PDB file of all heavy atoms in Angstrom:
ATOM      1  N   ASN A   1       2.770  13.251  -1.464  1.00  0.00           N
ATOM      2  CA  ASN A   1       1.938  14.163  -2.229  1.00  0.00           C
ATOM      3  C   ASN A   1       0.651  14.449  -1.447  1.00  0.00           C
ATOM      4  O   ASN A   1      -0.204  13.585  -1.315  1.00  0.00           O
ATOM      5  CB  ASN A   1       1.612  13.553  -3.593  1.00  0.00           C
ATOM      6  CG  ASN A   1       0.859  14.497  -4.488  1.00  0.00           C
ATOM      7  OD1 ASN A   1       0.286  15.477  -4.043  1.00  0.00           O
ATOM      8  ND2 ASN A   1       0.854  14.196  -5.765  1.00  0.00           N
ATOM      9  N   GLU A   2       0.500  15.630  -0.955  1.00  0.00           N
ATOM     10  CA  GLU A   2      -0.666  15.983  -0.154  1.00  0.00           C
ATOM     11  C   GLU A   2      -1.906  16.243  -1.002  1.00  0.00           C
ATOM     12  O   GLU A   2      -2.976  16.495  -0.458  1.00  0.00           O
ATOM     13  CB  GLU A   2      -0.342  17.188   0.718  1.00  0.00           C
ATOM     14  CG  GLU A   2       0.725  16.863   1.745  1.00  0.00           C
ATOM     15  CD  GLU A   2       1.078  18.055   2.607  1.00  0.00           C
ATOM     16  OE1 GLU A   2       0.332  19.059   2.606  1.00  0.00           O
ATOM     17  OE2 GLU A   2       2.109  17.974   3.293  1.00  0.00           O
ATOM     18  N   ASN A   3      -1.786  16.198  -2.332  1.00  0.00           N
ATOM     19  CA  ASN A   3      -2.931  16.418  -3.211  1.00  0.00           C
ATOM     20  C   ASN A   3      -3.743  15.148  -3.458  1.00  0.00           C
ATOM     21  O   ASN A   3      -4.745  15.189  -4.161  1.00  0.00           O
ATOM     22  CB  ASN A   3      -2.460  16.983  -4.559  1.00  0.00           C
ATOM     23  CG  ASN A   3      -1.872  18.365  -4.408  1.00  0.00           C
ATOM     24  OD1 ASN A   3      -2.267  19.116  -3.527  1.00  0.00           O
ATOM     25  ND2 ASN A   3      -0.912  18.695  -5.251  1.00  0.00           N
ATOM     26  N   VAL A   4      -3.334  14.027  -2.919  1.00  0.00           N
ATOM     27  CA  VAL A   4      -4.038  12.763  -3.112  1.00  0.00           C
ATOM     28  C   VAL A   4      -5.323  12.773  -2.289  1.00  0.00           C
ATOM     29  O   VAL A   4      -5.303  13.009  -1.082  1.00  0.00           O
ATOM     30  CB  VAL A   4      -3.138  11.570  -2.711  1.00  0.00           C
ATOM     31  CG1 VAL A   4      -3.907  10.267  -2.767  1.00  0.00           C
ATOM     32  CG2 VAL A   4      -1.912  11.513  -3.611  1.00  0.00           C
ATOM     33  N   SER A   5      -6.453  12.529  -2.945  1.00  0.00           N
ATOM     34  CA  SER A   5      -7.750  12.573  -2.271  1.00  0.00           C
ATOM     35  C   SER A   5      -8.083  11.274  -1.550  1.00  0.00           C
ATOM     36  O   SER A   5      -8.736  11.275  -0.510  1.00  0.00           O
ATOM     37  CB  SER A   5      -8.856  12.869  -3.276  1.00  0.00           C
ATOM     38  OG  SER A   5      -8.645  14.116  -3.879  1.00  0.00           O
ATOM     39  N   ALA A   6      -7.659  10.132  -2.115  1.00  0.00           N
ATOM     40  CA  ALA A   6      -7.952   8.827  -1.523  1.00  0.00           C
ATOM     41  C   ALA A   6      -7.013   7.791  -2.128  1.00  0.00           C
ATOM     42  O   ALA A   6      -6.480   7.991  -3.220  1.00  0.00           O
ATOM     43  CB  ALA A   6      -9.400   8.432  -1.786  1.00  0.00           C
ATOM     44  N   ILE A   7      -6.854   6.692  -1.407  1.00  0.00           N
ATOM     45  CA  ILE A   7      -5.991   5.607  -1.864  1.00  0.00           C
ATOM     46  C   ILE A   7      -6.788   4.320  -1.829  1.00  0.00           C
ATOM     47  O   ILE A   7      -7.504   4.046  -0.859  1.00  0.00           O
ATOM     48  CB  ILE A   7      -4.753   5.490  -0.962  1.00  0.00           C
ATOM     49  CG1 ILE A   7      -3.972   6.791  -1.015  1.00  0.00           C
ATOM     50  CG2 ILE A   7      -3.881   4.311  -1.368  1.00  0.00           C
ATOM     51  CD1 ILE A   7      -3.016   6.971   0.105  1.00  0.00           C
ATOM     52  N   ILE A   8      -6.652   3.530  -2.895  1.00  0.00           N
ATOM     53  CA  ILE A   8      -7.320   2.236  -2.977  1.00  0.00           C
ATOM     54  C   ILE A   8      -6.272   1.176  -3.257  1.00  0.00           C
ATOM     55  O   ILE A   8      -5.470   1.307  -4.187  1.00  0.00           O
ATOM     56  CB  ILE A   8      -8.382   2.220  -4.097  1.00  0.00           C
ATOM     57  CG1 ILE A   8      -9.448   3.267  -3.817  1.00  0.00           C
ATOM     58  CG2 ILE A   8      -8.994   0.826  -4.225  1.00  0.00           C
ATOM     59  CD1 ILE A   8     -10.414   3.473  -4.972  1.00  0.00           C
ATOM     60  N   GLY A   9      -6.263   0.132  -2.448  1.00  0.00           N
ATOM     61  CA  GLY A   9      -5.373  -1.001  -2.668  1.00  0.00           C
ATOM     62  C   GLY A   9      -6.192  -2.211  -3.063  1.00  0.00           C
ATOM     63  O   GLY A   9      -7.170  -2.549  -2.390  1.00  0.00           O
ATOM     64  N   LEU A  10      -5.837  -2.844  -4.168  1.00  0.00           N
ATOM     65  CA  LEU A  10      -6.535  -4.046  -4.638  1.00  0.00           C
ATOM     66  C   LEU A  10      -5.628  -5.248  -4.429  1.00  0.00           C
ATOM     67  O   LEU A  10      -4.727  -5.509  -5.221  1.00  0.00           O
ATOM     68  CB  LEU A  10      -6.917  -3.898  -6.119  1.00  0.00           C
ATOM     69  CG  LEU A  10      -7.883  -2.759  -6.435  1.00  0.00           C
ATOM     70  CD1 LEU A  10      -8.081  -2.624  -7.936  1.00  0.00           C
ATOM     71  CD2 LEU A  10      -9.208  -2.971  -5.735  1.00  0.00           C
ATOM     72  N   ASP A  11      -5.856  -5.968  -3.340  1.00  0.00           N
ATOM     73  CA  ASP A  11      -5.047  -7.117  -2.940  1.00  0.00           C
ATOM     74  C   ASP A  11      -3.569  -6.743  -2.949  1.00  0.00           C
ATOM     75  O   ASP A  11      -2.721  -7.457  -3.473  1.00  0.00           O
ATOM     76  CB  ASP A  11      -5.315  -8.332  -3.828  1.00  0.00           C
ATOM     77  CG  ASP A  11      -4.991  -9.645  -3.125  1.00  0.00           C
ATOM     78  OD1 ASP A  11      -5.255  -9.747  -1.915  1.00  0.00           O
ATOM     79  OD2 ASP A  11      -4.480 -10.559  -3.779  1.00  0.00           O
ATOM     80  N   GLY A  12      -3.277  -5.592  -2.357  1.00  0.00           N
ATOM     81  CA  GLY A  12      -1.923  -5.050  -2.353  1.00  0.00           C
ATOM     82  C   GLY A  12      -0.913  -5.970  -1.699  1.00  0.00           C
ATOM     83  O   GLY A  12      -1.163  -6.518  -0.623  1.00  0.00           O
ATOM     84  N   THR A  13       0.229  -6.108  -2.336  1.00  0.00           N
ATOM     85  CA  THR A  13       1.304  -6.969  -1.848  1.00  0.00           C
ATOM     86  C   THR A  13       1.766  -6.532  -0.462  1.00  0.00           C
ATOM     87  O   THR A  13       2.208  -7.356   0.333  1.00  0.00           O
ATOM     88  CB  THR A  13       2.478  -6.950  -2.845  1.00  0.00           C
ATOM     89  OG1 THR A  13       1.984  -7.340  -4.125  1.00  0.00           O
ATOM     90  CG2 THR A  13       3.576  -7.904  -2.442  1.00  0.00           C
ATOM     91  N   TYR A  14       1.642  -5.263  -0.142  1.00  0.00           N
ATOM     92  CA  TYR A  14       2.054  -4.761   1.172  1.00  0.00           C
ATOM     93  C   TYR A  14       1.341  -5.475   2.309  1.00  0.00           C
ATOM     94  O   TYR A  14       1.790  -5.442   3.448  1.00  0.00           O
ATOM     95  CB  TYR A  14       1.797  -3.249   1.277  1.00  0.00           C
ATOM     96  CG  TYR A  14       0.369  -2.875   1.008  1.00  0.00           C
ATOM     97  CD1 TYR A  14      -0.618  -3.030   1.969  1.00  0.00           C
ATOM     98  CD2 TYR A  14      -0.003  -2.396  -0.244  1.00  0.00           C
ATOM     99  CE1 TYR A  14      -1.938  -2.726   1.704  1.00  0.00           C
ATOM    100  CE2 TYR A  14      -1.321  -2.075  -0.517  1.00  0.00           C
ATOM    101  CZ  TYR A  14      -2.280  -2.245   0.456  1.00  0.00           C
ATOM    102  OH  TYR A  14      -3.594  -1.941   0.184  1.00  0.00           O
ATOM    103  N   GLY A  15       0.231  -6.124   2.043  1.00  0.00           N
ATOM    104  CA  GLY A  15      -0.544  -6.808   3.075  1.00  0.00           C
ATOM    105  C   GLY A  15      -0.255  -8.283   3.219  1.00  0.00           C
ATOM    106  O   GLY A  15      -0.872  -8.961   4.041  1.00  0.00           O
ATOM    107  N   PHE A  16       0.679  -8.820   2.440  1.00  0.00           N
ATOM    108  CA  PHE A  16       1.041 -10.234   2.555  1.00  0.00           C
ATOM    109  C   PHE A  16       2.150 -10.380   3.594  1.00  0.00           C
ATOM    110  O   PHE A  16       3.099  -9.586   3.612  1.00  0.00           O
ATOM    111  CB  PHE A  16       1.542 -10.803   1.228  1.00  0.00           C
ATOM    112  CG  PHE A  16       0.577 -10.689   0.079  1.00  0.00           C
ATOM    113  CD1 PHE A  16       1.046 -10.739  -1.217  1.00  0.00           C
ATOM    114  CD2 PHE A  16      -0.777 -10.517   0.271  1.00  0.00           C
ATOM    115  CE1 PHE A  16       0.181 -10.642  -2.296  1.00  0.00           C
ATOM    116  CE2 PHE A  16      -1.652 -10.411  -0.796  1.00  0.00           C
ATOM    117  CZ  PHE A  16      -1.172 -10.476  -2.082  1.00  0.00           C
ATOM    118  N   ARG A  17       2.054 -11.393   4.439  1.00  0.00           N
ATOM    119  CA  ARG A  17       3.075 -11.625   5.468  1.00  0.00           C
ATOM    120  C   ARG A  17       4.449 -11.705   4.807  1.00  0.00           C
ATOM    121  O   ARG A  17       4.636 -12.405   3.830  1.00  0.00           O
ATOM    122  CB  ARG A  17       2.789 -12.906   6.229  1.00  0.00           C
ATOM    123  CG  ARG A  17       3.760 -13.147   7.384  1.00  0.00           C
ATOM    124  CD  ARG A  17       3.328 -14.242   8.319  1.00  0.00           C
ATOM    125  NE  ARG A  17       1.944 -14.180   8.761  1.00  0.00           N
ATOM    126  CZ  ARG A  17       1.441 -13.313   9.662  1.00  0.00           C
ATOM    127  NH1 ARG A  17       2.218 -12.407  10.183  1.00  0.00           N
ATOM    128  NH2 ARG A  17       0.171 -13.358   9.997  1.00  0.00           N
ATOM    129  N   GLY A  18       5.377 -10.924   5.332  1.00  0.00           N
ATOM    130  CA  GLY A  18       6.733 -10.904   4.811  1.00  0.00           C
ATOM    131  C   GLY A  18       6.951  -9.920   3.676  1.00  0.00           C
ATOM    132  O   GLY A  18       8.059  -9.790   3.177  1.00  0.00           O
ATOM    133  N   SER A  19       5.893  -9.222   3.244  1.00  0.00           N
ATOM    134  CA  SER A  19       6.016  -8.308   2.102  1.00  0.00           C
ATOM    135  C   SER A  19       5.716  -6.857   2.456  1.00  0.00           C
ATOM    136  O   SER A  19       5.620  -6.019   1.566  1.00  0.00           O
ATOM    137  CB  SER A  19       5.076  -8.752   0.978  1.00  0.00           C
ATOM    138  OG  SER A  19       5.418 -10.033   0.529  1.00  0.00           O
ATOM    139  N   SER A  20       5.597  -6.542   3.726  1.00  0.00           N
ATOM    140  CA  SER A  20       5.260  -5.162   4.092  1.00  0.00           C
ATOM    141  C   SER A  20       6.344  -4.173   3.679  1.00  0.00           C
ATOM    142  O   SER A  20       6.074  -2.988   3.510  1.00  0.00           O
ATOM    143  CB  SER A  20       4.989  -5.038   5.595  1.00  0.00           C
ATOM    144  OG  SER A  20       6.161  -5.341   6.332  1.00  0.00           O
ATOM    145  N   GLY A  21       7.563  -4.659   3.457  1.00  0.00           N
ATOM    146  CA  GLY A  21       8.650  -3.793   3.016  1.00  0.00           C
ATOM    147  C   GLY A  21       8.368  -3.130   1.680  1.00  0.00           C
ATOM    148  O   GLY A  21       8.945  -2.080   1.371  1.00  0.00           O
ATOM    149  N   VAL A  22       7.485  -3.711   0.889  1.00  0.00           N
ATOM    150  CA  VAL A  22       7.092  -3.084  -0.377  1.00  0.00           C
ATOM    151  C   VAL A  22       6.580  -1.675  -0.105  1.00  0.00           C
ATOM    152  O   VAL A  22       6.828  -0.755  -0.877  1.00  0.00           O
ATOM    153  CB  VAL A  22       6.001  -3.932  -1.088  1.00  0.00           C
ATOM    154  CG1 VAL A  22       5.389  -3.202  -2.251  1.00  0.00           C
ATOM    155  CG2 VAL A  22       6.548  -5.275  -1.512  1.00  0.00           C
ATOM    156  N   LEU A  23       5.910  -1.514   1.010  1.00  0.00           N
ATOM    157  CA  LEU A  23       5.383  -0.209   1.404  1.00  0.00           C
ATOM    158  C   LEU A  23       6.344   0.515   2.353  1.00  0.00           C
ATOM    159  O   LEU A  23       6.729   1.651   2.113  1.00  0.00           O
ATOM    160  CB  LEU A  23       4.017  -0.376   2.072  1.00  0.00           C
ATOM    161  CG  LEU A  23       3.337   0.881   2.597  1.00  0.00           C
ATOM    162  CD1 LEU A  23       3.058   1.853   1.466  1.00  0.00           C
ATOM    163  CD2 LEU A  23       2.048   0.503   3.308  1.00  0.00           C
ATOM    164  N   THR A  24       6.750  -0.164   3.414  1.00  0.00           N
ATOM    165  CA  THR A  24       7.522   0.499   4.468  1.00  0.00           C
ATOM    166  C   THR A  24       8.935   0.890   4.038  1.00  0.00           C
ATOM    167  O   THR A  24       9.531   1.782   4.650  1.00  0.00           O
ATOM    168  CB  THR A  24       7.598  -0.367   5.730  1.00  0.00           C
ATOM    169  OG1 THR A  24       8.244  -1.609   5.415  1.00  0.00           O
ATOM    170  CG2 THR A  24       6.207  -0.639   6.292  1.00  0.00           C
TER     171      THR A  24
END
């Protein structure tokens, strides 16, 4: 969605070792 102005992650699971697949 190109209409998104900004993204905020609050302790997002995508940043935990072994959990990047949540995003990727």
